[in-house]
PDB file of all heavy atoms in Angstrom:
ATOM      1  N   MET A   1       0.831  -1.202   0.000  1.00  0.00           N
ATOM      2  CA  MET A   1       0.000   0.000   0.000  1.00  0.00           C
ATOM      3  C   MET A   1       0.868   1.256   0.000  1.00  0.00           C
ATOM      4  O   MET A   1       0.619   2.202  -0.746  1.00  0.00           O
ATOM      5  CB  MET A   1      -0.932  -0.003   1.216  1.00  0.00           C
ATOM      6  CG  MET A   1      -1.880   1.183   1.308  1.00  0.00           C
ATOM      7  SD  MET A   1      -1.158   2.665   2.081  1.00  0.00           S
ATOM      8  CE  MET A   1      -0.933   2.098   3.772  1.00  0.00           C
ATOM      9  N   TRP A   2       1.933   1.254   0.815  1.00  0.00           N
ATOM     10  CA  TRP A   2       2.824   2.410   0.882  1.00  0.00           C
ATOM     11  C   TRP A   2       3.584   2.614  -0.430  1.00  0.00           C
ATOM     12  O   TRP A   2       3.834   3.755  -0.833  1.00  0.00           O
ATOM     13  CB  TRP A   2       3.803   2.270   2.042  1.00  0.00           C
ATOM     14  CG  TRP A   2       3.220   2.693   3.349  1.00  0.00           C
ATOM     15  CD1 TRP A   2       2.988   1.922   4.438  1.00  0.00           C
ATOM     16  CD2 TRP A   2       2.790   4.015   3.708  1.00  0.00           C
ATOM     17  NE1 TRP A   2       2.434   2.667   5.456  1.00  0.00           N
ATOM     18  CE2 TRP A   2       2.309   3.945   5.029  1.00  0.00           C
ATOM     19  CE3 TRP A   2       2.758   5.235   3.034  1.00  0.00           C
ATOM     20  CZ2 TRP A   2       1.799   5.073   5.687  1.00  0.00           C
ATOM     21  CZ3 TRP A   2       2.260   6.351   3.685  1.00  0.00           C
ATOM     22  CH2 TRP A   2       1.789   6.262   5.002  1.00  0.00           C
ATOM     23  N   PHE A   3       3.928   1.525  -1.104  1.00  0.00           N
ATOM     24  CA  PHE A   3       4.578   1.657  -2.415  1.00  0.00           C
ATOM     25  C   PHE A   3       3.634   2.327  -3.411  1.00  0.00           C
ATOM     26  O   PHE A   3       4.050   3.155  -4.234  1.00  0.00           O
ATOM     27  CB  PHE A   3       5.017   0.281  -2.941  1.00  0.00           C
ATOM     28  CG  PHE A   3       6.162  -0.327  -2.164  1.00  0.00           C
ATOM     29  CD1 PHE A   3       6.231  -1.700  -1.980  1.00  0.00           C
ATOM     30  CD2 PHE A   3       7.152   0.462  -1.621  1.00  0.00           C
ATOM     31  CE1 PHE A   3       7.273  -2.264  -1.258  1.00  0.00           C
ATOM     32  CE2 PHE A   3       8.203  -0.088  -0.903  1.00  0.00           C
ATOM     33  CZ  PHE A   3       8.259  -1.458  -0.717  1.00  0.00           C
ATOM     34  N   LYS A   4       2.354   1.969  -3.344  1.00  0.00           N
ATOM     35  CA  LYS A   4       1.355   2.591  -4.222  1.00  0.00           C
ATOM     36  C   LYS A   4       1.201   4.079  -3.892  1.00  0.00           C
ATOM     37  O   LYS A   4       1.050   4.914  -4.791  1.00  0.00           O
ATOM     38  CB  LYS A   4       0.004   1.873  -4.080  1.00  0.00           C
ATOM     39  CG  LYS A   4       0.014   0.435  -4.578  1.00  0.00           C
ATOM     40  CD  LYS A   4      -1.247  -0.308  -4.177  1.00  0.00           C
ATOM     41  CE  LYS A   4      -1.161  -1.781  -4.534  1.00  0.00           C
ATOM     42  NZ  LYS A   4      -2.326  -2.558  -4.049  1.00  0.00           N
ATOM     43  N   VAL A   5       1.250   4.411  -2.605  1.00  0.00           N
ATOM     44  CA  VAL A   5       1.176   5.813  -2.188  1.00  0.00           C
ATOM     45  C   VAL A   5       2.363   6.589  -2.751  1.00  0.00           C
ATOM     46  O   VAL A   5       2.206   7.701  -3.268  1.00  0.00           O
ATOM     47  CB  VAL A   5       1.146   5.925  -0.649  1.00  0.00           C
ATOM     48  CG1 VAL A   5       1.409   7.362  -0.200  1.00  0.00           C
ATOM     49  CG2 VAL A   5      -0.199   5.445  -0.109  1.00  0.00           C
ATOM     50  N   LEU A   6       3.554   5.990  -2.671  1.00  0.00           N
ATOM     51  CA  LEU A   6       4.752   6.654  -3.190  1.00  0.00           C
ATOM     52  C   LEU A   6       4.662   6.881  -4.699  1.00  0.00           C
ATOM     53  O   LEU A   6       5.051   7.942  -5.209  1.00  0.00           O
ATOM     54  CB  LEU A   6       6.005   5.829  -2.854  1.00  0.00           C
ATOM     55  CG  LEU A   6       6.388   5.787  -1.371  1.00  0.00           C
ATOM     56  CD1 LEU A   6       7.570   4.854  -1.160  1.00  0.00           C
ATOM     57  CD2 LEU A   6       6.726   7.184  -0.857  1.00  0.00           C
ATOM     58  N   VAL A   7       4.129   5.891  -5.414  1.00  0.00           N
ATOM     59  CA  VAL A   7       3.949   6.034  -6.863  1.00  0.00           C
ATOM     60  C   VAL A   7       3.000   7.194  -7.154  1.00  0.00           C
ATOM     61  O   VAL A   7       3.252   8.003  -8.057  1.00  0.00           O
ATOM     62  CB  VAL A   7       3.397   4.718  -7.470  1.00  0.00           C
ATOM     63  CG1 VAL A   7       2.895   4.948  -8.890  1.00  0.00           C
ATOM     64  CG2 VAL A   7       4.476   3.649  -7.461  1.00  0.00           C
ATOM     65  N   ALA A   8       1.925   7.290  -6.376  1.00  0.00           N
ATOM     66  CA  ALA A   8       0.945   8.361  -6.581  1.00  0.00           C
ATOM     67  C   ALA A   8       1.511   9.738  -6.220  1.00  0.00           C
ATOM     68  O   ALA A   8       1.039  10.758  -6.723  1.00  0.00           O
ATOM     69  CB  ALA A   8      -0.310   8.085  -5.756  1.00  0.00           C
ATOM     70  N   CYS A   9       2.532   9.756  -5.366  1.00  0.00           N
ATOM     71  CA  CYS A   9       3.111  11.025  -4.928  1.00  0.00           C
ATOM     72  C   CYS A   9       4.099  11.612  -5.934  1.00  0.00           C
ATOM     73  O   CYS A   9       4.394  12.812  -5.882  1.00  0.00           O
ATOM     74  CB  CYS A   9       3.845  10.832  -3.597  1.00  0.00           C
ATOM     75  SG  CYS A   9       2.766  10.685  -2.173  1.00  0.00           S
ATOM     76  N   ILE A  10       4.623  10.787  -6.818  1.00  0.00           N
ATOM     77  CA  ILE A  10       5.714  11.227  -7.710  1.00  0.00           C
ATOM     78  C   ILE A  10       5.377  12.471  -8.518  1.00  0.00           C
ATOM     79  O   ILE A  10       6.141  13.442  -8.514  1.00  0.00           O
ATOM     80  CB  ILE A  10       6.158  10.066  -8.631  1.00  0.00           C
ATOM     81  CG1 ILE A  10       6.835   8.964  -7.800  1.00  0.00           C
ATOM     82  CG2 ILE A  10       7.100  10.569  -9.721  1.00  0.00           C
ATOM     83  CD1 ILE A  10       7.139   7.703  -8.587  1.00  0.00           C
ATOM     84  N   PRO A  11       4.236  12.518  -9.241  1.00  0.00           N
ATOM     85  CA  PRO A  11       3.966  13.708 -10.077  1.00  0.00           C
ATOM     86  C   PRO A  11       3.939  15.010  -9.284  1.00  0.00           C
ATOM     87  O   PRO A  11       4.595  15.992  -9.659  1.00  0.00           O
ATOM     88  CB  PRO A  11       2.596  13.396 -10.694  1.00  0.00           C
ATOM     89  CG  PRO A  11       2.497  11.904 -10.675  1.00  0.00           C
ATOM     90  CD  PRO A  11       3.182  11.489  -9.408  1.00  0.00           C
ATOM     91  N   ALA A  12       3.185  15.034  -8.174  1.00  0.00           N
ATOM     92  CA  ALA A  12       3.060  16.268  -7.387  1.00  0.00           C
ATOM     93  C   ALA A  12       4.373  16.635  -6.708  1.00  0.00           C
ATOM     94  O   ALA A  12       4.697  17.823  -6.570  1.00  0.00           O
ATOM     95  CB  ALA A  12       1.949  16.121  -6.352  1.00  0.00           C
ATOM     96  N   ALA A  13       5.137  15.628  -6.277  1.00  0.00           N
ATOM     97  CA  ALA A  13       6.409  15.895  -5.607  1.00  0.00           C
ATOM     98  C   ALA A  13       7.391  16.572  -6.553  1.00  0.00           C
ATOM     99  O   ALA A  13       8.066  17.535  -6.183  1.00  0.00           O
ATOM    100  CB  ALA A  13       6.994  14.598  -5.068  1.00  0.00           C
ATOM    101  N   VAL A  14       7.472  16.078  -7.777  1.00  0.00           N
ATOM    102  CA  VAL A  14       8.404  16.647  -8.763  1.00  0.00           C
ATOM    103  C   VAL A  14       8.028  18.088  -9.088  1.00  0.00           C
ATOM    104  O   VAL A  14       8.863  19.000  -9.042  1.00  0.00           O
ATOM    105  CB  VAL A  14       8.420  15.794 -10.055  1.00  0.00           C
ATOM    106  CG1 VAL A  14       9.231  16.490 -11.133  1.00  0.00           C
ATOM    107  CG2 VAL A  14       9.006  14.415  -9.766  1.00  0.00           C
ATOM    108  N   ILE A  15       6.759  18.308  -9.399  1.00  0.00           N
ATOM    109  CA  ILE A  15       6.298  19.653  -9.755  1.00  0.00           C
ATOM    110  C   ILE A  15       6.384  20.593  -8.553  1.00  0.00           C
ATOM    111  O   ILE A  15       6.761  21.767  -8.680  1.00  0.00           O
ATOM    112  CB  ILE A  15       4.852  19.610 -10.292  1.00  0.00           C
ATOM    113  CG1 ILE A  15       4.803  18.807 -11.596  1.00  0.00           C
ATOM    114  CG2 ILE A  15       4.308  21.010 -10.500  1.00  0.00           C
ATOM    115  CD1 ILE A  15       5.659  19.387 -12.719  1.00  0.00           C
ATOM    116  N   GLY A  16       6.043  20.086  -7.368  1.00  0.00           N
ATOM    117  CA  GLY A  16       6.087  20.912  -6.166  1.00  0.00           C
ATOM    118  C   GLY A  16       7.486  21.422  -5.864  1.00  0.00           C
ATOM    119  O   GLY A  16       7.680  22.591  -5.519  1.00  0.00           O
ATOM    120  N   LEU A  17       8.477  20.561  -5.999  1.00  0.00           N
ATOM    121  CA  LEU A  17       9.858  20.961  -5.737  1.00  0.00           C
ATOM    122  C   LEU A  17      10.369  21.952  -6.771  1.00  0.00           C
ATOM    123  O   LEU A  17      11.111  22.880  -6.453  1.00  0.00           O
ATOM    124  CB  LEU A  17      10.768  19.719  -5.706  1.00  0.00           C
ATOM    125  CG  LEU A  17      10.616  18.806  -4.486  1.00  0.00           C
ATOM    126  CD1 LEU A  17      11.409  17.516  -4.685  1.00  0.00           C
ATOM    127  CD2 LEU A  17      11.089  19.522  -3.222  1.00  0.00           C
ATOM    128  N   LEU A  18       9.968  21.757  -8.025  1.00  0.00           N
ATOM    129  CA  LEU A  18      10.480  22.596  -9.112  1.00  0.00           C
ATOM    130  C   LEU A  18       9.755  23.936  -9.237  1.00  0.00           C
ATOM    131  O   LEU A  18      10.376  24.954  -9.551  1.00  0.00           O
ATOM    132  CB  LEU A  18      10.380  21.838 -10.447  1.00  0.00           C
ATOM    133  CG  LEU A  18      11.246  20.590 -10.604  1.00  0.00           C
ATOM    134  CD1 LEU A  18      10.961  19.913 -11.932  1.00  0.00           C
ATOM    135  CD2 LEU A  18      12.731  20.947 -10.504  1.00  0.00           C
ATOM    136  N   LEU A  19       8.431  23.928  -8.977  1.00  0.00           N
ATOM    137  CA  LEU A  19       7.634  25.107  -9.326  1.00  0.00           C
ATOM    138  C   LEU A  19       6.838  25.687  -8.160  1.00  0.00           C
ATOM    139  O   LEU A  19       5.901  26.456  -8.379  1.00  0.00           O
ATOM    140  CB  LEU A  19       6.656  24.755 -10.460  1.00  0.00           C
ATOM    141  CG  LEU A  19       7.284  24.275 -11.770  1.00  0.00           C
ATOM    142  CD1 LEU A  19       6.193  23.870 -12.748  1.00  0.00           C
ATOM    143  CD2 LEU A  19       8.163  25.365 -12.387  1.00  0.00           C
ATOM    144  N   ASP A  20       7.197  25.367  -6.924  1.00  0.00           N
ATOM    145  CA  ASP A  20       6.414  25.799  -5.766  1.00  0.00           C
ATOM    146  C   ASP A  20       6.229  27.315  -5.730  1.00  0.00           C
ATOM    147  O   ASP A  20       5.109  27.818  -5.614  1.00  0.00           O
ATOM    148  CB  ASP A  20       7.084  25.319  -4.476  1.00  0.00           C
ATOM    149  CG  ASP A  20       6.287  25.700  -3.238  1.00  0.00           C
ATOM    150  OD1 ASP A  20       5.117  25.288  -3.147  1.00  0.00           O
ATOM    151  OD2 ASP A  20       6.821  26.430  -2.387  1.00  0.00           O
ATOM    152  N   ASP A  21       7.314  28.066  -5.825  1.00  0.00           N
ATOM    153  CA  ASP A  21       7.225  29.531  -5.764  1.00  0.00           C
ATOM    154  C   ASP A  21       6.482  30.103  -6.969  1.00  0.00           C
ATOM    155  O   ASP A  21       5.691  31.044  -6.839  1.00  0.00           O
ATOM    156  CB  ASP A  21       8.633  30.141  -5.690  1.00  0.00           C
ATOM    157  CG  ASP A  21       9.301  29.872  -4.350  1.00  0.00           C
ATOM    158  OD1 ASP A  21       8.568  29.669  -3.363  1.00  0.00           O
ATOM    159  OD2 ASP A  21      10.545  29.848  -4.289  1.00  0.00           O
ATOM    160  N   TRP A  22       6.728  29.532  -8.157  1.00  0.00           N
ATOM    161  CA  TRP A  22       6.082  30.017  -9.377  1.00  0.00           C
ATOM    162  C   TRP A  22       4.577  29.800  -9.314  1.00  0.00           C
ATOM    163  O   TRP A  22       3.796  30.674  -9.692  1.00  0.00           O
ATOM    164  CB  TRP A  22       6.671  29.294 -10.593  1.00  0.00           C
ATOM    165  CG  TRP A  22       6.175  29.824 -11.902  1.00  0.00           C
ATOM    166  CD1 TRP A  22       6.691  30.859 -12.633  1.00  0.00           C
ATOM    167  CD2 TRP A  22       5.029  29.347 -12.648  1.00  0.00           C
ATOM    168  NE1 TRP A  22       5.960  31.059 -13.780  1.00  0.00           N
ATOM    169  CE2 TRP A  22       4.929  30.151 -13.819  1.00  0.00           C
ATOM    170  CE3 TRP A  22       4.099  28.337 -12.439  1.00  0.00           C
ATOM    171  CZ2 TRP A  22       3.929  29.956 -14.764  1.00  0.00           C
ATOM    172  CZ3 TRP A  22       3.100  28.155 -13.380  1.00  0.00           C
ATOM    173  CH2 TRP A  22       3.025  28.943 -14.533  1.00  0.00           C
ATOM    174  N   ILE A  23       4.166  28.645  -8.802  1.00  0.00           N
ATOM    175  CA  ILE A  23       2.737  28.335  -8.671  1.00  0.00           C
ATOM    176  C   ILE A  23       2.074  29.305  -7.698  1.00  0.00           C
ATOM    177  O   ILE A  23       0.994  29.843  -7.967  1.00  0.00           O
ATOM    178  CB  ILE A  23       2.535  26.880  -8.211  1.00  0.00           C
ATOM    179  CG1 ILE A  23       2.920  25.916  -9.349  1.00  0.00           C
ATOM    180  CG2 ILE A  23       1.088  26.639  -7.788  1.00  0.00           C
ATOM    181  CD1 ILE A  23       3.006  24.468  -8.910  1.00  0.00           C
ATOM    182  N   ASP A  24       2.722  29.544  -6.542  1.00  0.00           N
ATOM    183  CA  ASP A  24       2.171  30.480  -5.553  1.00  0.00           C
ATOM    184  C   ASP A  24       2.013  31.875  -6.150  1.00  0.00           C
ATOM    185  O   ASP A  24       1.017  32.567  -5.914  1.00  0.00           O
ATOM    186  CB  ASP A  24       3.079  30.549  -4.326  1.00  0.00           C
ATOM    187  CG  ASP A  24       2.904  29.339  -3.413  1.00  0.00           C
ATOM    188  OD1 ASP A  24       1.944  28.574  -3.628  1.00  0.00           O
ATOM    189  OD2 ASP A  24       3.725  29.164  -2.502  1.00  0.00           O
ATOM    190  N   GLU A  25       2.999  32.303  -6.948  1.00  0.00           N
ATOM    191  CA  GLU A  25       2.995  33.647  -7.520  1.00  0.00           C
ATOM    192  C   GLU A  25       1.902  33.829  -8.565  1.00  0.00           C
ATOM    193  O   GLU A  25       1.260  34.877  -8.635  1.00  0.00           O
ATOM    194  CB  GLU A  25       4.359  33.939  -8.146  1.00  0.00           C
ATOM    195  CG  GLU A  25       4.474  35.329  -8.762  1.00  0.00           C
ATOM    196  CD  GLU A  25       5.821  35.571  -9.415  1.00  0.00           C
ATOM    197  OE1 GLU A  25       6.745  34.740  -9.228  1.00  0.00           O
ATOM    198  OE2 GLU A  25       5.956  36.593 -10.125  1.00  0.00           O
ATOM    199  N   HIS A  26       1.669  32.807  -9.379  1.00  0.00           N
ATOM    200  CA  HIS A  26       0.760  32.960 -10.523  1.00  0.00           C
ATOM    201  C   HIS A  26      -0.664  32.448 -10.270  1.00  0.00           C
ATOM    202  O   HIS A  26      -1.613  32.927 -10.905  1.00  0.00           O
ATOM    203  CB  HIS A  26       1.339  32.234 -11.744  1.00  0.00           C
ATOM    204  CG  HIS A  26       2.548  32.903 -12.320  1.00  0.00           C
ATOM    205  ND1 HIS A  26       3.813  32.707 -11.811  1.00  0.00           N
ATOM    206  CD2 HIS A  26       2.682  33.783 -13.337  1.00  0.00           C
ATOM    207  CE1 HIS A  26       4.680  33.423 -12.522  1.00  0.00           C
ATOM    208  NE2 HIS A  26       4.020  34.091 -13.435  1.00  0.00           N
ATOM    209  N   PHE A  27      -0.826  31.464  -9.396  1.00  0.00           N
ATOM    210  CA  PHE A  27      -2.141  30.846  -9.248  1.00  0.00           C
ATOM    211  C   PHE A  27      -2.768  30.999  -7.866  1.00  0.00           C
ATOM    212  O   PHE A  27      -3.941  30.708  -7.699  1.00  0.00           O
ATOM    213  CB  PHE A  27      -2.064  29.350  -9.583  1.00  0.00           C
ATOM    214  CG  PHE A  27      -1.708  29.078 -11.017  1.00  0.00           C
ATOM    215  CD1 PHE A  27      -0.609  28.308 -11.341  1.00  0.00           C
ATOM    216  CD2 PHE A  27      -2.467  29.591 -12.056  1.00  0.00           C
ATOM    217  CE1 PHE A  27      -0.268  28.054 -12.657  1.00  0.00           C
ATOM    218  CE2 PHE A  27      -2.151  29.356 -13.375  1.00  0.00           C
ATOM    219  CZ  PHE A  27      -1.044  28.581 -13.680  1.00  0.00           C
ATOM    220  N   TYR A  28      -1.972  31.442  -6.870  1.00  0.00           N
ATOM    221  CA  TYR A  28      -2.532  31.568  -5.522  1.00  0.00           C
ATOM    222  C   TYR A  28      -3.222  32.928  -5.394  1.00  0.00           C
ATOM    223  O   TYR A  28      -2.695  33.869  -4.822  1.00  0.00           O
ATOM    224  CB  TYR A  28      -1.443  31.419  -4.455  1.00  0.00           C
ATOM    225  CG  TYR A  28      -1.984  31.129  -3.072  1.00  0.00           C
ATOM    226  CD1 TYR A  28      -2.179  29.819  -2.642  1.00  0.00           C
ATOM    227  CD2 TYR A  28      -2.323  32.158  -2.199  1.00  0.00           C
ATOM    228  CE1 TYR A  28      -2.686  29.552  -1.380  1.00  0.00           C
ATOM    229  CE2 TYR A  28      -2.829  31.903  -0.941  1.00  0.00           C
ATOM    230  CZ  TYR A  28      -2.998  30.587  -0.537  1.00  0.00           C
ATOM    231  OH  TYR A  28      -3.508  30.325   0.712  1.00  0.00           O
ATOM    232  N   ASN A  29      -4.400  33.014  -5.988  1.00  0.00           N
ATOM    233  CA  ASN A  29      -5.187  34.241  -5.925  1.00  0.00           C
ATOM    234  C   ASN A  29      -6.670  33.871  -5.968  1.00  0.00           C
ATOM    235  O   ASN A  29      -7.036  32.768  -6.389  1.00  0.00           O
ATOM    236  CB  ASN A  29      -4.817  35.182  -7.077  1.00  0.00           C
ATOM    237  CG  ASN A  29      -5.044  34.561  -8.439  1.00  0.00           C
ATOM    238  OD1 ASN A  29      -6.180  34.354  -8.856  1.00  0.00           O
ATOM    239  ND2 ASN A  29      -3.957  34.246  -9.145  1.00  0.00           N
TER     240      ASN A  29
END
């Protein structure tokens, strides 16, 4: 189950690390 959770986390983790500040600046409104 935890392996499946980790697989599901990959897309958001990658984008979150790379674009966290950019997302907050452009979409957090």
